[in-house]
Amino acid sequence: MKKECDINIKKTIELAEAMILLARQGDDAREDSGCGVLYGTLLDSGFKIKQLALKEKEAHINKGWWK
């Protein structure tokens, strides 16, 4: 059985991946520079969140907590 904290890390990774996908789709469909700023910020945030979550997942794996 997975720990609640591990489930939340997994959900965070999935959310970050959805943010990255949406940012790419939004940038492809944008019609002005304001949208470019919005989707650029979303993309950067998605990558940063994913990086942090993956680092935390690795820490849980190293501690033997991750199932």
Protein backbone atom coordinates (compact mmCIF):
# COMPACT_ATOMS: atom_id res chain seq x y z
CA MET A 1 0.00 0.00 0.00
CA LYS A 2 1.35 3.39 -0.99
CA LYS A 3 1.80 6.15 1.54
CA GLU A 4 -0.36 9.24 1.19
CA CYS A 5 2.75 11.40 0.76
CA ASP A 6 3.91 9.21 -2.16
CA ILE A 7 0.48 9.41 -3.78
CA ASN A 8 0.61 13.21 -3.53
CA ILE A 9 4.08 13.33 -5.09
CA LYS A 10 2.83 11.16 -7.97
CA LYS A 11 -0.17 13.48 -8.44
CA THR A 12 2.14 16.50 -8.38
CA ILE A 13 4.29 15.00 -11.13
CA GLU A 14 1.17 14.32 -13.21
CA LEU A 15 -0.09 17.87 -12.61
CA ALA A 16 3.25 19.34 -13.66
CA GLU A 17 3.22 17.24 -16.83
CA ALA A 18 -0.30 18.51 -17.59
CA MET A 19 0.91 22.08 -17.06
CA ILE A 20 3.79 21.52 -19.49
CA LEU A 21 1.46 20.03 -22.10
CA LEU A 22 -1.06 22.86 -21.75
CA ALA A 23 1.70 25.47 -22.00
CA ARG A 24 2.95 23.95 -25.24
CA GLN A 25 -0.55 23.71 -26.70
CA GLY A 26 -1.36 27.25 -25.60
CA ASP A 27 1.83 28.62 -27.09
CA ASP A 28 1.10 26.89 -30.39
CA ALA A 29 -2.36 28.51 -30.52
CA ARG A 30 -1.51 31.95 -29.10
CA GLU A 31 -2.32 35.11 -31.00
CA ASP A 32 -0.53 37.78 -28.97
CA SER A 33 2.49 38.36 -26.76
CA GLY A 34 0.43 38.38 -23.56
CA CYS A 35 -0.43 34.75 -24.13
CA GLY A 36 3.24 34.07 -24.77
CA VAL A 37 4.09 35.42 -21.32
CA LEU A 38 1.29 33.38 -19.75
CA TYR A 39 2.28 30.11 -21.39
CA GLY A 40 5.98 30.74 -20.89
CA THR A 41 5.36 31.20 -17.18
CA LEU A 42 3.19 28.07 -17.09
CA LEU A 43 5.89 26.09 -18.88
CA ASP A 44 8.66 27.28 -16.57
CA SER A 45 6.53 26.59 -13.51
CA GLY A 46 5.61 23.13 -14.74
CA PHE A 47 9.26 22.22 -15.25
CA LYS A 48 10.27 23.60 -11.84
CA ILE A 49 7.46 21.79 -10.03
CA LYS A 50 8.22 18.55 -11.84
CA GLN A 51 11.92 18.83 -10.99
CA LEU A 52 11.14 19.39 -7.29
CA ALA A 53 8.65 16.52 -7.20
CA LEU A 54 11.06 14.12 -8.91
CA LYS A 55 13.77 15.11 -6.44
CA GLU A 56 11.41 14.40 -3.55
CA LYS A 57 10.39 11.08 -5.12
CA GLU A 58 14.07 10.11 -5.35
CA ALA A 59 14.53 11.04 -1.67
CA HIS A 60 11.60 8.79 -0.74
CA ILE A 61 13.03 5.96 -2.83
CA ASN A 62 16.43 6.34 -1.15
CA LYS A 63 14.78 6.21 2.29
CA GLY A 64 12.91 3.04 1.29
CA TRP A 65 9.52 4.74 1.62
CA TRP A 66 8.44 4.61 -2.02
CA LYS A 67 6.39 1.56 -2.93
